[in-house]
Amino acid sequence: MEREIPFWDRNVETASRKEIEEIQLQKLKSTVEQAVHTSYYGERLKKLGITGGHSIKSLADLQRLPFTTKSDLREAYP
């Protein structure tokens, strides 16, 4: 007797690689769009030529984004 595996979210958990990458790209664009409206990340992204979510064309653009380091957090702390 074979038992069906329960899913938390069947659509996401059974998505194809292409569907997953599309979801990831949309989430990345959304995150960048929010980040450009902050004083700290807005400046950093602008220096890199990233002015909004529309600047992100593929998941490969993730390599262009600055990551936050411990020293960044210390410098920006109020």
Protein backbone atom coordinates (compact mmCIF):
# COMPACT_ATOMS: atom_id res chain seq x y z
CA MET A 1 0.00 0.00 0.00
CA GLU A 2 1.57 3.25 -1.19
CA ARG A 3 0.99 6.31 0.93
CA GLU A 4 0.65 9.78 -0.58
CA ILE A 5 3.21 12.27 0.67
CA PRO A 6 1.56 15.28 2.29
CA PHE A 7 2.49 18.71 0.94
CA TRP A 8 2.60 22.02 2.74
CA ASP A 9 2.18 23.89 -0.55
CA ARG A 10 1.75 21.48 -3.46
CA ASN A 11 2.16 24.17 -6.17
CA VAL A 12 5.54 25.29 -4.88
CA GLU A 13 6.83 21.90 -3.81
CA THR A 14 6.07 20.30 -7.16
CA ALA A 15 7.07 23.25 -9.36
CA SER A 16 9.46 22.74 -12.24
CA ARG A 17 12.96 24.26 -12.15
CA LYS A 18 11.78 26.94 -14.60
CA GLU A 19 8.79 27.83 -12.40
CA ILE A 20 11.00 28.02 -9.31
CA GLU A 21 13.46 30.33 -11.07
CA GLU A 22 10.59 32.58 -12.21
CA ILE A 23 9.34 32.83 -8.61
CA GLN A 24 12.87 33.56 -7.37
CA LEU A 25 13.37 36.27 -10.00
CA GLN A 26 10.11 38.00 -9.10
CA LYS A 27 10.98 37.90 -5.38
CA LEU A 28 14.47 39.27 -6.09
CA LYS A 29 13.02 42.12 -8.15
CA SER A 30 10.56 42.90 -5.38
CA THR A 31 13.28 42.92 -2.72
CA VAL A 32 15.53 45.20 -4.79
CA GLU A 33 12.60 47.52 -5.48
CA GLN A 34 12.05 47.89 -1.72
CA ALA A 35 15.78 48.26 -0.98
CA VAL A 36 16.29 51.18 -3.39
CA HIS A 37 13.85 53.22 -1.30
CA THR A 38 15.99 52.99 1.83
CA SER A 39 18.74 55.48 2.56
CA TYR A 40 21.47 52.90 3.15
CA TYR A 41 20.83 50.43 0.33
CA GLY A 42 19.50 53.08 -2.02
CA GLU A 43 22.92 54.75 -2.13
CA ARG A 44 24.83 51.49 -2.48
CA LEU A 45 22.61 50.22 -5.28
CA LYS A 46 22.63 53.54 -7.13
CA LYS A 47 26.46 53.45 -7.22
CA LEU A 48 26.16 50.06 -8.94
CA GLY A 49 23.63 51.38 -11.49
CA ILE A 50 20.69 49.56 -9.93
CA THR A 51 17.75 51.92 -9.72
CA GLY A 52 14.90 49.51 -9.05
CA GLY A 53 13.52 46.04 -9.60
CA HIS A 54 13.47 46.72 -13.35
CA SER A 55 17.30 46.75 -13.24
CA ILE A 56 17.26 43.02 -12.44
CA LYS A 57 16.89 40.97 -15.61
CA SER A 58 17.90 37.49 -14.45
CA LEU A 59 19.00 35.55 -11.39
CA ALA A 60 22.58 36.07 -12.58
CA ASP A 61 22.15 39.73 -11.57
CA LEU A 62 22.29 38.55 -7.96
CA GLN A 63 26.07 38.66 -8.36
CA ARG A 64 25.87 42.43 -8.91
CA LEU A 65 24.15 43.07 -5.59
CA PRO A 66 26.11 44.14 -2.52
CA PHE A 67 25.85 41.90 0.49
CA THR A 68 25.76 43.29 4.00
CA THR A 69 28.79 42.59 6.15
CA LYS A 70 29.27 42.89 9.88
CA SER A 71 31.29 46.06 9.41
CA ASP A 72 28.46 47.54 7.29
CA LEU A 73 26.07 47.02 10.18
CA ARG A 74 28.49 48.57 12.65
CA GLU A 75 29.06 51.64 10.43
CA ALA A 76 25.35 52.21 9.79
CA TYR A 77 24.25 51.72 13.38
CA PRO A 78 22.61 54.86 14.75
